[in-house]
Amino acid sequence: MEFSKQKSIYMQIADYFYVNILLGKWKPEDKVPSVRQLAVDLEVNPNTVMRTYTHLQDKNIIVNQRGIGFYVSEEAPVQVREIVKAQFMSDDLPDMFSTMEMLGIDIQEITGLYQQWKSTLNTSKP
């Protein structure tokens, strides 16, 4: 995993969890990698991974079953969607709006492109 300097490593690891949960790779009640294993896999300090796990527990994304390990919580998909949506709305949209303004792109043009994109998703499903 390549880490960016713009965001703390433990939050980038949390983003890694969010993506896996949103994509359905990790479902509620699935076991997640141990702190040690994830630290080895990502080549980071175990304390950094533990900080991520504490953060995810505080957000009710993962739960610790003592002596067994960490698992994706039942509420994780809903919680993660809300967290990522809020981040997108506060971090990404303002930049996108600024770029749209500089380039003279109006929302109707974006809406049309979005509808085209959505229709390609619907036609590519079996």
N, C-alpha and C. Protein backbone atom coordinates (compact mmCIF):
# COMPACT_ATOMS: atom_id res chain seq x y z
N MET A 1 0.84 -1.17 0.00
CA MET A 1 0.00 0.00 0.00
C MET A 1 0.89 1.23 0.00
N GLU A 2 0.61 2.15 -0.91
CA GLU A 2 1.34 3.41 -0.97
C GLU A 2 0.63 4.43 -0.09
N PHE A 3 1.38 5.05 0.80
CA PHE A 3 0.79 6.02 1.70
C PHE A 3 1.08 7.43 1.23
N SER A 4 0.08 8.29 1.36
CA SER A 4 0.18 9.69 0.99
C SER A 4 0.66 10.49 2.19
N LYS A 5 1.31 11.61 1.93
CA LYS A 5 1.78 12.47 3.02
C LYS A 5 0.69 13.44 3.47
N GLN A 6 -0.41 13.52 2.71
CA GLN A 6 -1.47 14.47 3.03
C GLN A 6 -2.38 14.00 4.16
N LYS A 7 -2.36 12.73 4.48
CA LYS A 7 -3.28 12.17 5.47
C LYS A 7 -2.52 11.21 6.36
N SER A 8 -2.88 11.16 7.63
CA SER A 8 -2.17 10.28 8.56
C SER A 8 -2.32 8.81 8.12
N ILE A 9 -1.29 8.03 8.40
CA ILE A 9 -1.26 6.63 7.97
C ILE A 9 -2.42 5.85 8.58
N TYR A 10 -2.69 6.09 9.85
CA TYR A 10 -3.76 5.30 10.46
C TYR A 10 -5.12 5.58 9.81
N MET A 11 -5.33 6.81 9.34
CA MET A 11 -6.58 7.13 8.65
C MET A 11 -6.61 6.55 7.24
N GLN A 12 -5.44 6.44 6.61
CA GLN A 12 -5.38 5.79 5.30
C GLN A 12 -5.68 4.29 5.43
N ILE A 13 -5.26 3.71 6.54
CA ILE A 13 -5.59 2.30 6.79
C ILE A 13 -7.10 2.17 7.04
N ALA A 14 -7.68 3.13 7.74
CA ALA A 14 -9.13 3.13 7.94
C ALA A 14 -9.85 3.22 6.60
N ASP A 15 -9.33 4.05 5.69
CA ASP A 15 -9.91 4.15 4.34
C ASP A 15 -9.85 2.81 3.62
N TYR A 16 -8.76 2.08 3.83
CA TYR A 16 -8.61 0.73 3.26
C TYR A 16 -9.74 -0.17 3.76
N PHE A 17 -10.07 -0.08 5.03
CA PHE A 17 -11.19 -0.84 5.59
C PHE A 17 -12.50 -0.39 4.94
N TYR A 18 -12.68 0.92 4.82
CA TYR A 18 -13.92 1.45 4.25
C TYR A 18 -14.14 0.92 2.84
N VAL A 19 -13.11 0.94 2.03
CA VAL A 19 -13.23 0.46 0.65
C VAL A 19 -13.60 -1.02 0.62
N ASN A 20 -12.91 -1.82 1.44
CA ASN A 20 -13.21 -3.26 1.46
C ASN A 20 -14.64 -3.53 1.92
N ILE A 21 -15.14 -2.74 2.85
CA ILE A 21 -16.51 -2.92 3.32
C ILE A 21 -17.51 -2.44 2.28
N LEU A 22 -17.27 -1.27 1.69
CA LEU A 22 -18.19 -0.75 0.68
C LEU A 22 -18.25 -1.63 -0.57
N LEU A 23 -17.14 -2.24 -0.92
CA LEU A 23 -17.12 -3.12 -2.09
C LEU A 23 -17.68 -4.52 -1.78
N GLY A 24 -17.97 -4.77 -0.52
CA GLY A 24 -18.52 -6.06 -0.13
C GLY A 24 -17.49 -7.17 0.01
N LYS A 25 -16.22 -6.79 -0.01
CA LYS A 25 -15.17 -7.80 0.18
C LYS A 25 -15.15 -8.28 1.63
N TRP A 26 -15.45 -7.35 2.55
CA TRP A 26 -15.56 -7.68 3.97
C TRP A 26 -17.00 -7.41 4.37
N LYS A 27 -17.68 -8.46 4.78
CA LYS A 27 -19.08 -8.37 5.15
C LYS A 27 -19.23 -8.41 6.67
N PRO A 28 -20.40 -7.99 7.18
CA PRO A 28 -20.62 -8.10 8.62
C PRO A 28 -20.33 -9.51 9.12
N GLU A 29 -19.66 -9.55 10.25
CA GLU A 29 -19.26 -10.77 10.94
C GLU A 29 -18.04 -11.46 10.31
N ASP A 30 -17.46 -10.89 9.23
CA ASP A 30 -16.21 -11.42 8.69
C ASP A 30 -15.07 -11.03 9.63
N LYS A 31 -14.14 -11.95 9.78
CA LYS A 31 -12.94 -11.66 10.59
C LYS A 31 -12.00 -10.79 9.75
N VAL A 32 -11.41 -9.79 10.38
CA VAL A 32 -10.44 -8.94 9.70
C VAL A 32 -9.04 -9.37 10.14
N PRO A 33 -8.02 -8.99 9.38
CA PRO A 33 -6.65 -9.39 9.76
C PRO A 33 -6.30 -8.93 11.17
N SER A 34 -5.46 -9.71 11.82
CA SER A 34 -4.98 -9.32 13.15
C SER A 34 -4.12 -8.07 13.02
N VAL A 35 -3.93 -7.40 14.13
CA VAL A 35 -3.10 -6.19 14.15
C VAL A 35 -1.71 -6.52 13.62
N ARG A 36 -1.11 -7.59 14.13
CA ARG A 36 0.24 -7.97 13.69
C ARG A 36 0.28 -8.29 12.20
N GLN A 37 -0.70 -9.08 11.75
CA GLN A 37 -0.70 -9.49 10.35
C GLN A 37 -0.86 -8.29 9.42
N LEU A 38 -1.77 -7.39 9.75
CA LEU A 38 -1.97 -6.21 8.90
C LEU A 38 -0.74 -5.32 8.92
N ALA A 39 -0.09 -5.20 10.07
CA ALA A 39 1.13 -4.40 10.17
C ALA A 39 2.21 -4.97 9.25
N VAL A 40 2.34 -6.29 9.24
CA VAL A 40 3.32 -6.94 8.35
C VAL A 40 2.92 -6.73 6.89
N ASP A 41 1.64 -6.95 6.57
CA ASP A 41 1.17 -6.82 5.19
C ASP A 41 1.37 -5.41 4.65
N LEU A 42 1.10 -4.41 5.48
CA LEU A 42 1.19 -3.01 5.03
C LEU A 42 2.55 -2.38 5.31
N GLU A 43 3.41 -3.13 6.00
CA GLU A 43 4.75 -2.66 6.34
C GLU A 43 4.69 -1.38 7.17
N VAL A 44 3.87 -1.43 8.24
CA VAL A 44 3.77 -0.31 9.16
C VAL A 44 3.95 -0.83 10.58
N ASN A 45 4.11 0.09 11.50
CA ASN A 45 4.26 -0.25 12.90
C ASN A 45 2.94 -0.80 13.44
N PRO A 46 2.98 -1.88 14.22
CA PRO A 46 1.74 -2.42 14.81
C PRO A 46 0.97 -1.39 15.64
N ASN A 47 1.68 -0.44 16.25
CA ASN A 47 0.99 0.61 17.02
C ASN A 47 0.10 1.46 16.12
N THR A 48 0.55 1.68 14.89
CA THR A 48 -0.25 2.45 13.93
C THR A 48 -1.51 1.68 13.59
N VAL A 49 -1.38 0.38 13.35
CA VAL A 49 -2.55 -0.45 13.04
C VAL A 49 -3.49 -0.47 14.24
N MET A 50 -2.94 -0.59 15.45
CA MET A 50 -3.78 -0.61 16.64
C MET A 50 -4.53 0.70 16.78
N ARG A 51 -3.89 1.81 16.42
CA ARG A 51 -4.58 3.11 16.46
C ARG A 51 -5.76 3.10 15.49
N THR A 52 -5.56 2.51 14.31
CA THR A 52 -6.65 2.38 13.34
C THR A 52 -7.78 1.53 13.91
N TYR A 53 -7.43 0.40 14.52
CA TYR A 53 -8.44 -0.51 15.06
C TYR A 53 -9.23 0.18 16.18
N THR A 54 -8.55 0.96 16.99
CA THR A 54 -9.24 1.70 18.05
C THR A 54 -10.21 2.71 17.44
N HIS A 55 -9.76 3.40 16.42
CA HIS A 55 -10.62 4.36 15.72
C HIS A 55 -11.84 3.66 15.13
N LEU A 56 -11.62 2.52 14.47
CA LEU A 56 -12.72 1.78 13.85
C LEU A 56 -13.68 1.21 14.90
N GLN A 57 -13.16 0.81 16.04
CA GLN A 57 -14.03 0.35 17.12
C GLN A 57 -14.88 1.52 17.65
N ASP A 58 -14.26 2.68 17.80
CA ASP A 58 -14.99 3.85 18.28
C ASP A 58 -16.12 4.24 17.33
N LYS A 59 -15.94 3.97 16.04
CA LYS A 59 -16.95 4.27 15.03
C LYS A 59 -17.92 3.11 14.81
N ASN A 60 -17.74 2.05 15.57
CA ASN A 60 -18.57 0.84 15.48
C ASN A 60 -18.49 0.17 14.10
N ILE A 61 -17.28 0.19 13.53
CA ILE A 61 -17.03 -0.46 12.24
C ILE A 61 -16.54 -1.89 12.48
N ILE A 62 -15.71 -2.06 13.50
CA ILE A 62 -15.25 -3.39 13.87
C ILE A 62 -15.52 -3.61 15.35
N VAL A 63 -15.60 -4.88 15.72
CA VAL A 63 -15.78 -5.25 17.12
C VAL A 63 -14.72 -6.27 17.48
N ASN A 64 -14.30 -6.22 18.74
CA ASN A 64 -13.28 -7.15 19.23
C ASN A 64 -13.97 -8.26 20.00
N GLN A 65 -13.71 -9.48 19.58
CA GLN A 65 -14.16 -10.63 20.35
C GLN A 65 -12.94 -11.15 21.08
N ARG A 66 -12.89 -10.88 22.36
CA ARG A 66 -11.69 -11.18 23.17
C ARG A 66 -11.17 -12.59 22.91
N GLY A 67 -9.87 -12.62 22.65
CA GLY A 67 -9.20 -13.90 22.45
C GLY A 67 -9.40 -14.50 21.07
N ILE A 68 -10.29 -13.92 20.29
CA ILE A 68 -10.58 -14.48 18.95
C ILE A 68 -10.09 -13.54 17.86
N GLY A 69 -10.37 -12.25 18.02
CA GLY A 69 -9.92 -11.29 17.02
C GLY A 69 -10.97 -10.23 16.74
N PHE A 70 -10.72 -9.48 15.69
CA PHE A 70 -11.61 -8.39 15.29
C PHE A 70 -12.49 -8.83 14.14
N TYR A 71 -13.73 -8.35 14.17
CA TYR A 71 -14.72 -8.70 13.15
C TYR A 71 -15.43 -7.44 12.68
N VAL A 72 -15.91 -7.49 11.43
CA VAL A 72 -16.71 -6.40 10.89
C VAL A 72 -18.04 -6.40 11.64
N SER A 73 -18.47 -5.25 12.11
CA SER A 73 -19.72 -5.16 12.86
C SER A 73 -20.92 -5.25 11.93
N GLU A 74 -22.05 -5.56 12.51
CA GLU A 74 -23.31 -5.62 11.76
C GLU A 74 -23.64 -4.27 11.14
N GLU A 75 -23.32 -3.20 11.86
CA GLU A 75 -23.66 -1.85 11.41
C GLU A 75 -22.64 -1.26 10.45
N ALA A 76 -21.54 -1.95 10.22
CA ALA A 76 -20.43 -1.39 9.45
C ALA A 76 -20.82 -0.85 8.08
N PRO A 77 -21.56 -1.58 7.25
CA PRO A 77 -21.87 -1.03 5.92
C PRO A 77 -22.59 0.32 5.98
N VAL A 78 -23.55 0.46 6.87
CA VAL A 78 -24.28 1.72 7.00
C VAL A 78 -23.37 2.80 7.57
N GLN A 79 -22.62 2.47 8.62
CA GLN A 79 -21.71 3.42 9.25
C GLN A 79 -20.67 3.93 8.25
N VAL A 80 -20.07 2.99 7.52
CA VAL A 80 -19.01 3.35 6.57
C VAL A 80 -19.57 4.24 5.46
N ARG A 81 -20.74 3.88 4.93
CA ARG A 81 -21.34 4.69 3.87
C ARG A 81 -21.55 6.12 4.35
N GLU A 82 -22.03 6.29 5.58
CA GLU A 82 -22.25 7.63 6.13
C GLU A 82 -20.94 8.39 6.30
N ILE A 83 -19.92 7.71 6.80
CA ILE A 83 -18.61 8.35 7.01
C ILE A 83 -18.00 8.78 5.68
N VAL A 84 -17.98 7.88 4.71
CA VAL A 84 -17.36 8.17 3.42
C VAL A 84 -18.15 9.23 2.67
N LYS A 85 -19.47 9.17 2.77
CA LYS A 85 -20.32 10.19 2.12
C LYS A 85 -20.03 11.57 2.70
N ALA A 86 -19.94 11.66 4.03
CA ALA A 86 -19.64 12.94 4.67
C ALA A 86 -18.26 13.46 4.25
N GLN A 87 -17.27 12.56 4.18
CA GLN A 87 -15.93 12.97 3.73
C GLN A 87 -15.97 13.48 2.30
N PHE A 88 -16.69 12.77 1.44
CA PHE A 88 -16.81 13.18 0.04
C PHE A 88 -17.45 14.56 -0.07
N MET A 89 -18.53 14.75 0.68
CA MET A 89 -19.25 16.03 0.61
C MET A 89 -18.40 17.19 1.13
N SER A 90 -17.61 16.95 2.16
CA SER A 90 -16.83 18.06 2.74
C SER A 90 -15.47 18.25 2.09
N ASP A 91 -14.87 17.16 1.57
CA ASP A 91 -13.50 17.26 1.05
C ASP A 91 -13.44 17.33 -0.48
N ASP A 92 -14.17 16.45 -1.15
CA ASP A 92 -14.04 16.33 -2.61
C ASP A 92 -14.95 17.27 -3.39
N LEU A 93 -16.19 17.41 -2.96
CA LEU A 93 -17.12 18.25 -3.72
C LEU A 93 -16.68 19.70 -3.82
N PRO A 94 -16.22 20.33 -2.75
CA PRO A 94 -15.79 21.73 -2.92
C PRO A 94 -14.68 21.90 -3.98
N ASP A 95 -13.73 20.96 -4.02
CA ASP A 95 -12.70 21.02 -5.05
C ASP A 95 -13.30 20.83 -6.44
N MET A 96 -14.24 19.88 -6.55
CA MET A 96 -14.88 19.65 -7.85
C MET A 96 -15.67 20.89 -8.29
N PHE A 97 -16.40 21.50 -7.35
CA PHE A 97 -17.16 22.70 -7.70
C PHE A 97 -16.23 23.83 -8.13
N SER A 98 -15.11 23.97 -7.47
CA SER A 98 -14.15 25.00 -7.83
C SER A 98 -13.62 24.77 -9.25
N THR A 99 -13.29 23.53 -9.55
CA THR A 99 -12.80 23.19 -10.90
C THR A 99 -13.89 23.43 -11.93
N MET A 100 -15.12 23.05 -11.62
CA MET A 100 -16.24 23.29 -12.54
C MET A 100 -16.38 24.79 -12.84
N GLU A 101 -16.26 25.59 -11.80
CA GLU A 101 -16.39 27.04 -11.97
C GLU A 101 -15.28 27.58 -12.87
N MET A 102 -14.05 27.14 -12.63
CA MET A 102 -12.91 27.61 -13.45
C MET A 102 -13.08 27.23 -14.91
N LEU A 103 -13.66 26.04 -15.16
CA LEU A 103 -13.79 25.55 -16.53
C LEU A 103 -15.12 25.89 -17.18
N GLY A 104 -15.99 26.56 -16.45
CA GLY A 104 -17.28 26.94 -16.99
C GLY A 104 -18.21 25.75 -17.23
N ILE A 105 -18.13 24.76 -16.37
CA ILE A 105 -18.99 23.58 -16.49
C ILE A 105 -20.17 23.79 -15.56
N ASP A 106 -21.39 23.63 -16.10
CA ASP A 106 -22.55 23.78 -15.21
C ASP A 106 -23.07 22.41 -14.76
N ILE A 107 -23.92 22.44 -13.76
CA ILE A 107 -24.39 21.21 -13.13
C ILE A 107 -25.20 20.34 -14.09
N GLN A 108 -25.88 20.96 -15.07
CA GLN A 108 -26.65 20.18 -16.04
C GLN A 108 -25.73 19.30 -16.90
N GLU A 109 -24.57 19.84 -17.23
CA GLU A 109 -23.60 19.06 -18.01
C GLU A 109 -23.11 17.86 -17.19
N ILE A 110 -22.83 18.09 -15.93
CA ILE A 110 -22.39 17.01 -15.04
C ILE A 110 -23.51 15.98 -14.88
N THR A 111 -24.74 16.47 -14.71
CA THR A 111 -25.89 15.56 -14.55
C THR A 111 -26.04 14.68 -15.77
N GLY A 112 -25.89 15.25 -16.96
CA GLY A 112 -25.98 14.46 -18.19
C GLY A 112 -24.90 13.40 -18.27
N LEU A 113 -23.68 13.79 -17.94
CA LEU A 113 -22.57 12.82 -17.95
C LEU A 113 -22.77 11.73 -16.92
N TYR A 114 -23.31 12.12 -15.77
CA TYR A 114 -23.57 11.13 -14.72
C TYR A 114 -24.64 10.13 -15.17
N GLN A 115 -25.67 10.62 -15.80
CA GLN A 115 -26.73 9.73 -16.31
C GLN A 115 -26.18 8.78 -17.37
N GLN A 116 -25.31 9.27 -18.25
CA GLN A 116 -24.66 8.40 -19.25
C GLN A 116 -23.84 7.33 -18.56
N TRP A 117 -23.08 7.72 -17.58
CA TRP A 117 -22.24 6.77 -16.85
C TRP A 117 -23.09 5.71 -16.18
N LYS A 118 -24.19 6.14 -15.52
CA LYS A 118 -25.08 5.19 -14.85
C LYS A 118 -25.69 4.20 -15.85
N SER A 119 -26.02 4.68 -17.04
CA SER A 119 -26.62 3.77 -18.02
C SER A 119 -25.63 2.73 -18.50
N THR A 120 -24.34 3.06 -18.51
CA THR A 120 -23.35 2.04 -18.89
C THR A 120 -23.22 0.98 -17.81
N LEU A 121 -23.46 1.36 -16.56
CA LEU A 121 -23.44 0.37 -15.47
C LEU A 121 -24.60 -0.60 -15.62
N ASN A 122 -25.77 -0.07 -15.95
CA ASN A 122 -26.96 -0.90 -16.08
C ASN A 122 -26.88 -1.86 -17.27
N THR A 123 -26.21 -1.43 -18.34
CA THR A 123 -26.11 -2.30 -19.52
C THR A 123 -25.00 -3.31 -19.39
N SER A 124 -24.05 -3.08 -18.50
CA SER A 124 -22.93 -4.02 -18.34
C SER A 124 -23.25 -5.14 -17.35
N LYS A 125 -24.38 -5.05 -16.65
CA LYS A 125 -24.75 -6.11 -15.70
C LYS A 125 -25.39 -7.27 -16.46
N PRO A 126 -25.06 -8.51 -16.05
CA PRO A 126 -25.65 -9.67 -16.73
C PRO A 126 -27.13 -9.81 -16.47
